[in-house]
Amino acid sequence: MSYLFHRSVTRFGLPVIAAAALAACGGGGGGGQPMASPTSTTGTLRVSITDAPACGFDHVYVTVEKVRVNGSASAGDTDSGWTDITLATPQRIDLLALSNGALTTLGQTQLPAGTYQQLRLVLSANTTANPLANSVVPTGGVEQAVDTPSGAQSGIKLNADMTVAADKVADFAIDFNACKSFVTAGNSGKVIMKPVLALIPMLSDAGVTSRVDFGSRSQAIRG
């Protein structure tokens, strides 16, 4: 599913929207008085992917398996606290089809309300059965596989402060900068992914003002 959004977000020092106020509890004592419903302690995190305009390529393909989030910026692959948004089947996406504000939704999940400081975008590996899961087509050239040193194994790691408020949808897009993320090795001619990504906060459904808060543009680092 694709839709458009305004790419006017140039600064990310956005205010954190506070979690919804707790509903007052019913009074004590009187028999037969209905109890107030417990307040929800979960919110929804929704993730999409988009791309800045690229240079030097006709197509840039990545195959996404899942997105992982954790409350700790330093959490390792096997540490506790991970929540995964796993695609039903790995999705091969042409990043250049997502320029000019187009988005592809990767999925969503419920999370305990709170702050999440790490996100990982996990890609499928190029294999014998699927050698072009991640690939590029240089302008006027032929398709060739891309080396993804960390993308398939541990995921492309981004650090960011993401606030998920109770009963709200925290909606954001991963902006995958294809122009800056792929380099050609000297003698071998191999194309290597050195991912440069950013997290863009979005308005949630129906104009609800809950947002994901990001202190600054983030660059992916190898996990």
N, C-alpha and C. Protein backbone atom coordinates (compact mmCIF):
# COMPACT_ATOMS: atom_id res chain seq x y z
N MET A 1 0.86 -1.19 0.00
CA MET A 1 0.00 0.00 0.00
C MET A 1 0.88 1.22 0.00
N SER A 2 0.62 2.18 -0.89
CA SER A 2 1.41 3.39 -0.99
C SER A 2 0.51 4.59 -0.83
N TYR A 3 1.02 5.67 -0.25
CA TYR A 3 0.30 6.90 -0.17
C TYR A 3 1.31 8.01 -0.06
N LEU A 4 0.87 9.26 -0.20
CA LEU A 4 1.78 10.39 -0.26
C LEU A 4 1.80 11.13 1.05
N PHE A 5 2.93 11.76 1.33
CA PHE A 5 3.00 12.62 2.49
C PHE A 5 3.83 13.83 2.14
N HIS A 6 3.67 14.93 2.87
CA HIS A 6 4.43 16.14 2.60
C HIS A 6 5.85 15.98 3.09
N ARG A 7 6.82 16.24 2.25
CA ARG A 7 8.22 16.09 2.62
C ARG A 7 8.79 17.41 3.12
N SER A 8 7.99 18.15 3.84
CA SER A 8 8.42 19.44 4.32
C SER A 8 9.09 19.35 5.67
N VAL A 9 9.21 18.15 6.22
CA VAL A 9 9.84 17.99 7.53
C VAL A 9 11.33 18.12 7.35
N THR A 10 11.89 19.23 7.81
CA THR A 10 13.32 19.42 7.67
C THR A 10 14.01 19.51 9.01
N ARG A 11 13.23 19.65 10.04
CA ARG A 11 13.80 19.67 11.38
C ARG A 11 13.01 18.70 12.23
N PHE A 12 13.69 17.99 13.07
CA PHE A 12 13.03 16.91 13.79
C PHE A 12 12.96 17.17 15.29
N GLY A 13 13.25 18.39 15.73
CA GLY A 13 13.10 18.68 17.15
C GLY A 13 11.64 18.90 17.48
N LEU A 14 10.82 17.88 17.35
CA LEU A 14 9.38 17.99 17.52
C LEU A 14 9.00 17.67 18.95
N PRO A 15 7.95 18.32 19.46
CA PRO A 15 7.55 18.03 20.85
C PRO A 15 7.02 16.63 20.99
N VAL A 16 7.28 16.06 22.15
CA VAL A 16 6.71 14.74 22.48
C VAL A 16 5.27 14.94 22.93
N ILE A 17 4.36 14.21 22.33
CA ILE A 17 2.95 14.29 22.74
C ILE A 17 2.75 13.39 23.96
N ALA A 18 2.25 13.97 25.02
CA ALA A 18 2.10 13.20 26.26
C ALA A 18 1.11 12.07 26.09
N ALA A 19 1.29 11.01 26.88
CA ALA A 19 0.34 9.89 26.87
C ALA A 19 -1.01 10.37 27.35
N ALA A 20 -2.07 9.71 26.89
CA ALA A 20 -3.43 10.11 27.27
C ALA A 20 -3.59 10.06 28.78
N ALA A 21 -4.32 11.05 29.34
CA ALA A 21 -4.48 11.10 30.79
C ALA A 21 -5.24 9.88 31.28
N LEU A 22 -4.89 9.42 32.49
CA LEU A 22 -5.56 8.26 33.06
C LEU A 22 -6.99 8.61 33.44
N ALA A 23 -7.91 7.71 33.13
CA ALA A 23 -9.31 7.92 33.52
C ALA A 23 -9.43 7.79 35.03
N ALA A 24 -10.26 8.63 35.63
CA ALA A 24 -10.42 8.58 37.08
C ALA A 24 -11.08 7.28 37.49
N CYS A 25 -10.61 6.70 38.61
CA CYS A 25 -11.19 5.45 39.10
C CYS A 25 -12.53 5.74 39.77
N GLY A 26 -13.41 4.74 39.78
CA GLY A 26 -14.68 4.87 40.49
C GLY A 26 -14.45 4.94 41.98
N GLY A 27 -15.36 5.58 42.71
CA GLY A 27 -15.20 5.71 44.14
C GLY A 27 -15.33 4.38 44.85
N GLY A 28 -14.90 4.32 46.09
CA GLY A 28 -14.98 3.08 46.85
C GLY A 28 -16.30 2.97 47.58
N GLY A 29 -16.42 2.00 48.41
CA GLY A 29 -17.53 1.91 49.33
C GLY A 29 -18.79 1.33 48.75
N GLY A 30 -19.62 2.15 48.06
CA GLY A 30 -20.98 1.78 47.73
C GLY A 30 -21.09 0.52 46.91
N GLY A 31 -21.90 -0.44 47.35
CA GLY A 31 -22.10 -1.65 46.60
C GLY A 31 -22.90 -1.37 45.35
N GLY A 32 -22.65 -2.14 44.31
CA GLY A 32 -23.38 -2.03 43.07
C GLY A 32 -22.91 -0.91 42.16
N GLN A 33 -21.99 -0.06 42.62
CA GLN A 33 -21.49 1.02 41.77
C GLN A 33 -20.54 0.44 40.74
N PRO A 34 -20.73 0.70 39.43
CA PRO A 34 -19.86 0.11 38.41
C PRO A 34 -18.44 0.63 38.54
N MET A 35 -17.49 -0.28 38.33
CA MET A 35 -16.08 0.10 38.37
C MET A 35 -15.68 0.69 37.03
N ALA A 36 -14.78 1.68 37.05
CA ALA A 36 -14.29 2.27 35.81
C ALA A 36 -13.42 1.25 35.07
N SER A 37 -13.48 1.28 33.74
CA SER A 37 -12.66 0.37 32.95
C SER A 37 -11.19 0.74 33.13
N PRO A 38 -10.32 -0.27 33.22
CA PRO A 38 -8.90 0.03 33.37
C PRO A 38 -8.37 0.76 32.14
N THR A 39 -7.47 1.72 32.36
CA THR A 39 -6.90 2.48 31.27
C THR A 39 -5.90 1.63 30.50
N SER A 40 -5.93 1.72 29.17
CA SER A 40 -4.99 0.96 28.35
C SER A 40 -3.57 1.41 28.61
N THR A 41 -2.65 0.47 28.59
CA THR A 41 -1.24 0.80 28.77
C THR A 41 -0.45 0.50 27.51
N THR A 42 -1.15 0.31 26.39
CA THR A 42 -0.45 0.02 25.14
C THR A 42 -0.83 1.04 24.07
N GLY A 43 0.10 1.22 23.14
CA GLY A 43 -0.15 2.02 21.95
C GLY A 43 0.25 1.21 20.74
N THR A 44 0.12 1.79 19.56
CA THR A 44 0.43 1.10 18.31
C THR A 44 1.58 1.80 17.60
N LEU A 45 2.54 1.01 17.14
CA LEU A 45 3.66 1.52 16.37
C LEU A 45 3.50 1.06 14.94
N ARG A 46 3.45 2.00 13.99
CA ARG A 46 3.29 1.66 12.58
C ARG A 46 4.51 2.16 11.80
N VAL A 47 5.01 1.32 10.88
CA VAL A 47 6.25 1.62 10.17
C VAL A 47 6.01 1.57 8.67
N SER A 48 6.51 2.58 7.95
CA SER A 48 6.49 2.60 6.50
C SER A 48 7.91 2.84 6.02
N ILE A 49 8.12 2.76 4.70
CA ILE A 49 9.43 3.03 4.12
C ILE A 49 9.25 3.95 2.93
N THR A 50 10.20 4.87 2.74
CA THR A 50 10.19 5.79 1.61
C THR A 50 11.63 6.01 1.18
N ASP A 51 11.85 6.88 0.19
CA ASP A 51 13.19 7.08 -0.35
C ASP A 51 13.36 8.52 -0.79
N ALA A 52 14.55 9.04 -0.52
CA ALA A 52 14.93 10.32 -1.12
C ALA A 52 15.29 10.08 -2.58
N PRO A 53 15.24 11.12 -3.43
CA PRO A 53 15.62 10.94 -4.83
C PRO A 53 17.02 10.35 -4.96
N ALA A 54 17.20 9.43 -5.89
CA ALA A 54 18.48 8.73 -6.06
C ALA A 54 19.21 9.24 -7.29
N CYS A 55 20.52 9.01 -7.30
CA CYS A 55 21.33 9.41 -8.44
C CYS A 55 22.09 8.20 -8.95
N GLY A 56 22.17 8.06 -10.25
CA GLY A 56 23.00 7.01 -10.84
C GLY A 56 22.36 5.65 -10.96
N PHE A 57 21.07 5.50 -10.61
CA PHE A 57 20.41 4.20 -10.69
C PHE A 57 19.05 4.33 -11.37
N ASP A 58 18.68 3.28 -12.09
CA ASP A 58 17.31 3.18 -12.60
C ASP A 58 16.40 2.47 -11.60
N HIS A 59 16.97 1.51 -10.86
CA HIS A 59 16.22 0.78 -9.84
C HIS A 59 17.15 0.45 -8.68
N VAL A 60 16.61 0.46 -7.48
CA VAL A 60 17.32 0.01 -6.29
C VAL A 60 16.36 -0.88 -5.51
N TYR A 61 16.69 -2.17 -5.42
CA TYR A 61 15.80 -3.14 -4.77
C TYR A 61 16.36 -3.58 -3.43
N VAL A 62 15.50 -3.60 -2.42
CA VAL A 62 15.83 -4.23 -1.14
C VAL A 62 14.67 -5.16 -0.78
N THR A 63 14.98 -6.27 -0.12
CA THR A 63 13.94 -7.21 0.30
C THR A 63 13.87 -7.20 1.83
N VAL A 64 12.74 -6.73 2.34
CA VAL A 64 12.57 -6.53 3.78
C VAL A 64 11.88 -7.75 4.39
N GLU A 65 12.48 -8.27 5.49
CA GLU A 65 11.87 -9.38 6.23
C GLU A 65 11.09 -8.90 7.44
N LYS A 66 11.68 -7.96 8.19
CA LYS A 66 11.01 -7.50 9.40
C LYS A 66 11.65 -6.22 9.90
N VAL A 67 10.95 -5.59 10.83
CA VAL A 67 11.45 -4.43 11.57
C VAL A 67 11.47 -4.82 13.04
N ARG A 68 12.55 -4.45 13.74
CA ARG A 68 12.67 -4.77 15.16
C ARG A 68 12.81 -3.47 15.95
N VAL A 69 12.19 -3.42 17.14
CA VAL A 69 12.32 -2.25 18.00
C VAL A 69 12.65 -2.69 19.41
N ASN A 70 13.39 -1.83 20.12
CA ASN A 70 13.82 -2.13 21.48
C ASN A 70 13.88 -0.84 22.27
N GLY A 71 13.60 -0.93 23.56
CA GLY A 71 13.66 0.24 24.42
C GLY A 71 15.06 0.71 24.71
N SER A 72 16.06 -0.14 24.48
CA SER A 72 17.45 0.20 24.79
C SER A 72 18.24 0.47 23.51
N ALA A 73 18.96 1.57 23.48
CA ALA A 73 19.79 1.90 22.32
C ALA A 73 20.98 0.96 22.19
N SER A 74 21.36 0.30 23.28
CA SER A 74 22.55 -0.56 23.26
C SER A 74 22.21 -2.04 23.19
N ALA A 75 20.95 -2.40 23.06
CA ALA A 75 20.55 -3.81 23.04
C ALA A 75 21.19 -4.54 21.87
N GLY A 76 21.75 -5.72 22.14
CA GLY A 76 22.32 -6.56 21.10
C GLY A 76 21.28 -7.46 20.48
N ASP A 77 21.71 -8.21 19.46
CA ASP A 77 20.78 -9.05 18.70
C ASP A 77 20.00 -10.02 19.58
N THR A 78 20.68 -10.61 20.55
CA THR A 78 20.07 -11.67 21.35
C THR A 78 19.60 -11.19 22.73
N ASP A 79 19.69 -9.89 22.99
CA ASP A 79 19.22 -9.36 24.27
C ASP A 79 17.70 -9.38 24.33
N SER A 80 17.18 -9.25 25.53
CA SER A 80 15.73 -9.23 25.72
C SER A 80 15.17 -7.86 25.32
N GLY A 81 13.85 -7.80 25.22
CA GLY A 81 13.19 -6.52 24.99
C GLY A 81 12.84 -6.21 23.55
N TRP A 82 13.14 -7.13 22.62
CA TRP A 82 12.84 -6.88 21.21
C TRP A 82 11.38 -7.19 20.91
N THR A 83 10.77 -6.34 20.09
CA THR A 83 9.47 -6.62 19.49
C THR A 83 9.65 -6.55 17.98
N ASP A 84 9.15 -7.57 17.28
CA ASP A 84 9.35 -7.66 15.83
C ASP A 84 8.05 -7.37 15.09
N ILE A 85 8.17 -6.62 14.01
CA ILE A 85 7.10 -6.49 13.02
C ILE A 85 7.55 -7.33 11.83
N THR A 86 7.04 -8.55 11.73
CA THR A 86 7.49 -9.49 10.71
C THR A 86 6.51 -9.50 9.54
N LEU A 87 7.02 -9.29 8.34
CA LEU A 87 6.16 -9.33 7.17
C LEU A 87 5.72 -10.77 6.90
N ALA A 88 4.50 -10.94 6.43
CA ALA A 88 3.98 -12.29 6.16
C ALA A 88 4.89 -13.03 5.18
N THR A 89 5.35 -12.34 4.16
CA THR A 89 6.37 -12.84 3.25
C THR A 89 7.34 -11.70 3.00
N PRO A 90 8.64 -12.00 2.85
CA PRO A 90 9.59 -10.92 2.58
C PRO A 90 9.14 -10.09 1.37
N GLN A 91 9.27 -8.78 1.49
CA GLN A 91 8.77 -7.88 0.45
C GLN A 91 9.93 -7.21 -0.28
N ARG A 92 10.00 -7.45 -1.59
CA ARG A 92 11.03 -6.82 -2.43
C ARG A 92 10.50 -5.46 -2.89
N ILE A 93 11.24 -4.42 -2.55
CA ILE A 93 10.77 -3.05 -2.76
C ILE A 93 11.76 -2.31 -3.65
N ASP A 94 11.26 -1.66 -4.68
CA ASP A 94 12.08 -0.77 -5.50
C ASP A 94 12.05 0.61 -4.84
N LEU A 95 13.14 0.98 -4.19
CA LEU A 95 13.17 2.23 -3.46
C LEU A 95 12.91 3.43 -4.36
N LEU A 96 13.32 3.34 -5.62
CA LEU A 96 13.15 4.48 -6.51
C LEU A 96 11.69 4.69 -6.91
N ALA A 97 10.85 3.70 -6.67
CA ALA A 97 9.42 3.88 -6.90
C ALA A 97 8.77 4.62 -5.73
N LEU A 98 9.55 4.89 -4.68
CA LEU A 98 9.02 5.52 -3.47
C LEU A 98 9.51 6.95 -3.31
N SER A 99 10.06 7.54 -4.36
CA SER A 99 10.49 8.93 -4.26
C SER A 99 9.27 9.85 -4.38
N ASN A 100 9.51 11.14 -4.20
CA ASN A 100 8.44 12.15 -4.28
C ASN A 100 7.32 11.91 -3.28
N GLY A 101 7.68 11.36 -2.14
CA GLY A 101 6.72 11.25 -1.05
C GLY A 101 5.90 9.99 -0.98
N ALA A 102 6.13 9.02 -1.88
CA ALA A 102 5.37 7.77 -1.81
C ALA A 102 5.86 6.93 -0.65
N LEU A 103 4.95 6.15 -0.07
CA LEU A 103 5.27 5.29 1.07
C LEU A 103 4.77 3.87 0.81
N THR A 104 5.50 2.89 1.33
CA THR A 104 5.02 1.52 1.40
C THR A 104 4.96 1.11 2.86
N THR A 105 3.80 0.67 3.31
CA THR A 105 3.64 0.27 4.71
C THR A 105 4.27 -1.09 4.94
N LEU A 106 5.08 -1.20 6.00
CA LEU A 106 5.72 -2.46 6.35
C LEU A 106 4.92 -3.23 7.40
N GLY A 107 4.14 -2.54 8.20
CA GLY A 107 3.34 -3.22 9.21
C GLY A 107 3.22 -2.40 10.47
N GLN A 108 2.55 -2.97 11.46
CA GLN A 108 2.38 -2.30 12.74
C GLN A 108 2.24 -3.34 13.84
N THR A 109 2.45 -2.89 15.08
CA THR A 109 2.34 -3.78 16.23
C THR A 109 1.95 -2.98 17.45
N GLN A 110 1.34 -3.65 18.43
CA GLN A 110 1.07 -3.02 19.71
C GLN A 110 2.29 -3.14 20.60
N LEU A 111 2.55 -2.07 21.35
CA LEU A 111 3.68 -2.03 22.27
C LEU A 111 3.23 -1.40 23.58
N PRO A 112 3.88 -1.76 24.69
CA PRO A 112 3.63 -1.02 25.92
C PRO A 112 3.97 0.45 25.72
N ALA A 113 3.14 1.33 26.25
CA ALA A 113 3.42 2.75 26.13
C ALA A 113 4.78 3.05 26.74
N GLY A 114 5.54 3.90 26.07
CA GLY A 114 6.87 4.22 26.57
C GLY A 114 7.77 4.73 25.45
N THR A 115 9.06 4.76 25.73
CA THR A 115 10.05 5.26 24.79
C THR A 115 10.90 4.12 24.26
N TYR A 116 11.13 4.11 22.96
CA TYR A 116 11.92 3.07 22.29
C TYR A 116 13.08 3.74 21.58
N GLN A 117 14.29 3.24 21.84
CA GLN A 117 15.50 3.94 21.43
C GLN A 117 16.27 3.27 20.30
N GLN A 118 15.78 2.13 19.82
CA GLN A 118 16.50 1.46 18.75
C GLN A 118 15.52 0.81 17.78
N LEU A 119 15.82 0.93 16.50
CA LEU A 119 15.05 0.27 15.45
C LEU A 119 16.03 -0.42 14.51
N ARG A 120 15.67 -1.61 14.06
CA ARG A 120 16.49 -2.31 13.06
C ARG A 120 15.62 -2.76 11.89
N LEU A 121 16.11 -2.48 10.69
CA LEU A 121 15.47 -2.92 9.46
C LEU A 121 16.21 -4.15 8.97
N VAL A 122 15.55 -5.30 8.99
CA VAL A 122 16.19 -6.58 8.66
C VAL A 122 15.87 -6.94 7.22
N LEU A 123 16.92 -7.17 6.43
CA LEU A 123 16.77 -7.52 5.02
C LEU A 123 17.05 -8.99 4.79
N SER A 124 16.43 -9.55 3.76
CA SER A 124 16.76 -10.92 3.34
C SER A 124 18.17 -10.93 2.76
N ALA A 125 18.83 -12.06 2.88
CA ALA A 125 20.16 -12.22 2.29
C ALA A 125 20.03 -12.62 0.82
N ASN A 126 20.99 -12.22 0.01
CA ASN A 126 21.09 -12.76 -1.35
C ASN A 126 21.56 -14.20 -1.25
N THR A 127 20.83 -15.11 -1.87
CA THR A 127 21.15 -16.53 -1.80
C THR A 127 21.24 -17.12 -3.21
N THR A 128 21.65 -18.38 -3.28
CA THR A 128 21.68 -19.05 -4.57
C THR A 128 20.30 -19.10 -5.19
N ALA A 129 19.30 -19.35 -4.35
CA ALA A 129 17.92 -19.42 -4.85
C ALA A 129 17.36 -18.04 -5.21
N ASN A 130 17.84 -17.02 -4.53
CA ASN A 130 17.35 -15.65 -4.76
C ASN A 130 18.53 -14.68 -4.77
N PRO A 131 19.34 -14.71 -5.82
CA PRO A 131 20.59 -13.95 -5.83
C PRO A 131 20.41 -12.45 -5.94
N LEU A 132 19.22 -11.98 -6.31
CA LEU A 132 18.99 -10.55 -6.50
C LEU A 132 17.94 -10.01 -5.53
N ALA A 133 17.91 -10.60 -4.33
CA ALA A 133 16.99 -10.08 -3.31
C ALA A 133 17.27 -8.60 -3.06
N ASN A 134 18.55 -8.25 -3.02
CA ASN A 134 18.98 -6.86 -2.87
C ASN A 134 19.89 -6.55 -4.05
N SER A 135 19.49 -5.59 -4.87
CA SER A 135 20.21 -5.36 -6.12
C SER A 135 20.00 -3.93 -6.59
N VAL A 136 20.81 -3.54 -7.57
CA VAL A 136 20.66 -2.23 -8.20
C VAL A 136 20.74 -2.39 -9.72
N VAL A 137 20.12 -1.44 -10.41
CA VAL A 137 20.27 -1.33 -11.86
C VAL A 137 20.86 0.04 -12.13
N PRO A 138 22.18 0.13 -12.41
CA PRO A 138 22.77 1.43 -12.72
C PRO A 138 22.08 2.04 -13.94
N THR A 139 22.11 3.35 -14.03
CA THR A 139 21.46 4.03 -15.15
C THR A 139 21.96 3.49 -16.48
N GLY A 140 21.06 2.91 -17.26
CA GLY A 140 21.42 2.36 -18.55
C GLY A 140 22.18 1.06 -18.49
N GLY A 141 22.32 0.48 -17.27
CA GLY A 141 23.11 -0.74 -17.10
C GLY A 141 22.26 -1.96 -16.85
N VAL A 142 22.92 -3.01 -16.33
CA VAL A 142 22.24 -4.27 -16.04
C VAL A 142 22.17 -4.48 -14.54
N GLU A 143 21.21 -5.27 -14.10
CA GLU A 143 21.00 -5.51 -12.68
C GLU A 143 22.15 -6.31 -12.08
N GLN A 144 22.59 -5.91 -10.88
CA GLN A 144 23.64 -6.64 -10.19
C GLN A 144 23.35 -6.68 -8.69
N ALA A 145 23.81 -7.75 -8.07
CA ALA A 145 23.55 -7.96 -6.65
C ALA A 145 24.30 -6.93 -5.80
N VAL A 146 23.75 -6.68 -4.62
CA VAL A 146 24.35 -5.76 -3.66
C VAL A 146 24.81 -6.55 -2.45
N ASP A 147 26.02 -6.26 -1.96
CA ASP A 147 26.49 -6.83 -0.70
C ASP A 147 25.87 -6.06 0.45
N THR A 148 25.26 -6.77 1.40
CA THR A 148 24.66 -6.15 2.58
C THR A 148 25.37 -6.68 3.82
N PRO A 149 26.47 -6.07 4.23
CA PRO A 149 27.28 -6.62 5.32
C PRO A 149 26.51 -6.88 6.61
N SER A 150 25.60 -5.98 6.97
CA SER A 150 24.89 -6.17 8.24
C SER A 150 23.39 -6.28 8.06
N GLY A 151 22.88 -5.93 6.90
CA GLY A 151 21.44 -5.85 6.71
C GLY A 151 20.71 -7.15 6.94
N ALA A 152 21.30 -8.26 6.48
CA ALA A 152 20.60 -9.54 6.58
C ALA A 152 20.77 -10.19 7.95
N GLN A 153 21.95 -10.05 8.54
CA GLN A 153 22.24 -10.78 9.78
C GLN A 153 21.62 -10.11 11.01
N SER A 154 21.97 -8.87 11.26
CA SER A 154 21.50 -8.21 12.48
C SER A 154 20.55 -7.06 12.21
N GLY A 155 20.41 -6.68 10.96
CA GLY A 155 19.54 -5.57 10.61
C GLY A 155 20.31 -4.26 10.54
N ILE A 156 19.76 -3.33 9.79
CA ILE A 156 20.33 -1.99 9.70
C ILE A 156 19.84 -1.22 10.92
N LYS A 157 20.77 -0.75 11.72
CA LYS A 157 20.46 -0.21 13.04
C LYS A 157 20.33 1.31 13.00
N LEU A 158 19.25 1.79 13.61
CA LEU A 158 19.06 3.22 13.80
C LEU A 158 18.77 3.50 15.26
N ASN A 159 19.40 4.54 15.79
CA ASN A 159 19.12 4.99 17.14
C ASN A 159 18.20 6.20 17.09
N ALA A 160 17.13 6.18 17.86
CA ALA A 160 16.19 7.31 17.89
C ALA A 160 15.30 7.18 19.10
N ASP A 161 14.82 8.31 19.61
CA ASP A 161 13.87 8.31 20.72
C ASP A 161 12.45 8.30 20.15
N MET A 162 11.78 7.17 20.27
CA MET A 162 10.43 7.01 19.71
C MET A 162 9.45 6.87 20.87
N THR A 163 8.53 7.78 20.99
CA THR A 163 7.56 7.75 22.07
C THR A 163 6.25 7.17 21.58
N VAL A 164 5.81 6.09 22.22
CA VAL A 164 4.53 5.46 21.91
C VAL A 164 3.58 5.77 23.07
N ALA A 165 2.52 6.51 22.77
CA ALA A 165 1.56 6.91 23.80
C ALA A 165 0.42 5.91 23.88
N ALA A 166 -0.13 5.74 25.07
CA ALA A 166 -1.25 4.81 25.26
C ALA A 166 -2.43 5.21 24.39
N ASP A 167 -3.04 4.21 23.75
CA ASP A 167 -4.24 4.40 22.93
C ASP A 167 -4.02 5.32 21.73
N LYS A 168 -2.76 5.49 21.31
CA LYS A 168 -2.44 6.31 20.14
C LYS A 168 -1.66 5.47 19.14
N VAL A 169 -1.62 5.96 17.90
CA VAL A 169 -0.81 5.34 16.86
C VAL A 169 0.43 6.20 16.65
N ALA A 170 1.60 5.66 16.94
CA ALA A 170 2.87 6.32 16.66
C ALA A 170 3.31 5.89 15.27
N ASP A 171 3.28 6.80 14.33
CA ASP A 171 3.41 6.48 12.91
C ASP A 171 4.68 7.14 12.39
N PHE A 172 5.58 6.36 11.80
CA PHE A 172 6.77 6.98 11.23
C PHE A 172 7.25 6.23 10.01
N ALA A 173 8.06 6.90 9.20
CA ALA A 173 8.60 6.33 7.97
C ALA A 173 10.11 6.24 8.06
N ILE A 174 10.65 5.15 7.52
CA ILE A 174 12.09 5.00 7.35
C ILE A 174 12.44 5.58 5.99
N ASP A 175 13.22 6.64 5.97
CA ASP A 175 13.64 7.27 4.72
C ASP A 175 14.99 6.68 4.32
N PHE A 176 14.98 5.83 3.31
CA PHE A 176 16.16 5.10 2.86
C PHE A 176 16.81 5.90 1.73
N ASN A 177 17.95 6.52 2.00
CA ASN A 177 18.61 7.38 1.02
C ASN A 177 19.43 6.53 0.05
N ALA A 178 18.81 6.14 -1.05
CA ALA A 178 19.48 5.25 -2.00
C ALA A 178 20.69 5.90 -2.63
N CYS A 179 20.64 7.21 -2.84
CA CYS A 179 21.75 7.90 -3.51
C CYS A 179 23.04 7.80 -2.71
N LYS A 180 22.93 7.82 -1.37
CA LYS A 180 24.11 7.81 -0.52
C LYS A 180 24.44 6.44 0.05
N SER A 181 23.58 5.46 -0.19
CA SER A 181 23.70 4.17 0.52
C SER A 181 24.44 3.10 -0.25
N PHE A 182 24.79 3.33 -1.51
CA PHE A 182 25.40 2.29 -2.33
C PHE A 182 26.66 2.83 -3.00
N VAL A 183 27.76 2.09 -2.83
CA VAL A 183 29.04 2.48 -3.43
C VAL A 183 29.59 1.30 -4.21
N THR A 184 30.40 1.62 -5.22
CA THR A 184 31.02 0.58 -6.03
C THR A 184 32.47 0.40 -5.59
N ALA A 185 32.83 -0.85 -5.24
CA ALA A 185 34.20 -1.15 -4.82
C ALA A 185 35.15 -0.98 -6.00
N GLY A 186 36.39 -0.63 -5.67
CA GLY A 186 37.39 -0.34 -6.70
C GLY A 186 37.57 -1.39 -7.77
N ASN A 187 38.47 -2.36 -7.52
CA ASN A 187 38.82 -3.33 -8.56
C ASN A 187 37.73 -4.36 -8.81
N SER A 188 37.01 -4.75 -7.77
CA SER A 188 36.03 -5.82 -7.92
C SER A 188 34.78 -5.38 -8.67
N GLY A 189 34.45 -4.11 -8.56
CA GLY A 189 33.23 -3.62 -9.19
C GLY A 189 31.97 -3.98 -8.44
N LYS A 190 32.10 -4.60 -7.27
CA LYS A 190 30.92 -4.96 -6.48
C LYS A 190 30.24 -3.71 -5.94
N VAL A 191 28.92 -3.78 -5.84
CA VAL A 191 28.15 -2.71 -5.22
C VAL A 191 27.90 -3.08 -3.77
N ILE A 192 28.30 -2.18 -2.87
CA ILE A 192 28.21 -2.43 -1.43
C ILE A 192 27.23 -1.45 -0.81
N MET A 193 26.37 -1.98 0.05
CA MET A 193 25.44 -1.13 0.77
C MET A 193 26.10 -0.57 2.02
N LYS A 194 26.13 0.76 2.12
CA LYS A 194 26.55 1.45 3.34
C LYS A 194 25.38 2.35 3.73
N PRO A 195 24.41 1.76 4.42
CA PRO A 195 23.09 2.40 4.52
C PRO A 195 23.07 3.73 5.25
N VAL A 196 22.37 4.67 4.67
CA VAL A 196 22.08 5.97 5.28
C VAL A 196 20.56 6.11 5.33
N LEU A 197 20.03 6.08 6.52
CA LEU A 197 18.58 6.12 6.72
C LEU A 197 18.22 7.25 7.68
N ALA A 198 16.99 7.68 7.60
CA ALA A 198 16.46 8.64 8.57
C ALA A 198 15.07 8.20 8.99
N LEU A 199 14.64 8.64 10.16
CA LEU A 199 13.31 8.35 10.67
C LEU A 199 12.47 9.62 10.61
N ILE A 200 11.34 9.55 9.94
CA ILE A 200 10.51 10.73 9.74
C ILE A 200 9.19 10.55 10.49
N PRO A 201 8.89 11.42 11.46
CA PRO A 201 7.62 11.30 12.18
C PRO A 201 6.46 11.68 11.29
N MET A 202 5.36 10.95 11.44
CA MET A 202 4.16 11.17 10.63
C MET A 202 2.98 11.43 11.55
N LEU A 203 1.97 12.13 11.02
CA LEU A 203 0.71 12.22 11.74
C LEU A 203 0.03 10.86 11.72
N SER A 204 -0.62 10.49 12.81
CA SER A 204 -1.31 9.21 12.86
C SER A 204 -2.70 9.33 12.23
N ASP A 205 -3.44 8.23 12.29
CA ASP A 205 -4.73 8.13 11.60
C ASP A 205 -5.69 9.27 11.95
N ALA A 206 -6.44 9.66 10.96
CA ALA A 206 -7.56 10.58 11.13
C ALA A 206 -7.17 11.87 11.82
N GLY A 207 -5.91 12.31 11.61
CA GLY A 207 -5.49 13.57 12.16
C GLY A 207 -5.17 13.55 13.64
N VAL A 208 -5.16 12.38 14.27
CA VAL A 208 -4.80 12.30 15.68
C VAL A 208 -3.38 12.82 15.83
N THR A 209 -3.11 13.60 16.85
CA THR A 209 -1.86 14.33 16.91
C THR A 209 -0.73 13.59 17.61
N SER A 210 -0.93 12.32 17.93
CA SER A 210 0.17 11.54 18.50
C SER A 210 1.30 11.45 17.49
N ARG A 211 2.52 11.65 17.93
CA ARG A 211 3.68 11.57 17.05
C ARG A 211 4.79 10.76 17.69
N VAL A 212 5.67 10.25 16.83
CA VAL A 212 6.93 9.71 17.29
C VAL A 212 7.90 10.86 17.36
N ASP A 213 8.65 10.97 18.43
CA ASP A 213 9.57 12.08 18.61
C ASP A 213 10.99 11.65 18.29
N PHE A 214 11.68 12.43 17.45
CA PHE A 214 13.06 12.14 17.09
C PHE A 214 13.90 13.38 17.36
N GLY A 215 15.00 13.17 18.04
CA GLY A 215 15.86 14.30 18.36
C GLY A 215 16.58 14.84 17.14
N SER A 216 16.98 13.98 16.22
CA SER A 216 17.73 14.42 15.05
C SER A 216 17.69 13.35 14.00
N ARG A 217 18.14 13.70 12.81
CA ARG A 217 18.25 12.74 11.72
C ARG A 217 19.26 11.68 12.12
N SER A 218 18.93 10.42 11.85
CA SER A 218 19.79 9.32 12.29
C SER A 218 20.45 8.65 11.10
N GLN A 219 21.68 8.27 11.25
CA GLN A 219 22.37 7.50 10.23
C GLN A 219 22.50 6.07 10.69
N ALA A 220 22.18 5.14 9.79
CA ALA A 220 22.28 3.73 10.15
C ALA A 220 23.72 3.36 10.39
N ILE A 221 23.95 2.48 11.35
CA ILE A 221 25.28 1.97 11.61
C ILE A 221 25.23 0.46 11.60
N ARG A 222 26.32 -0.15 11.31
CA ARG A 222 26.34 -1.61 11.23
C ARG A 222 26.25 -2.22 12.61
N GLY A 223 25.33 -3.19 12.74
CA GLY A 223 25.13 -3.82 14.04
C GLY A 223 26.07 -4.96 14.27
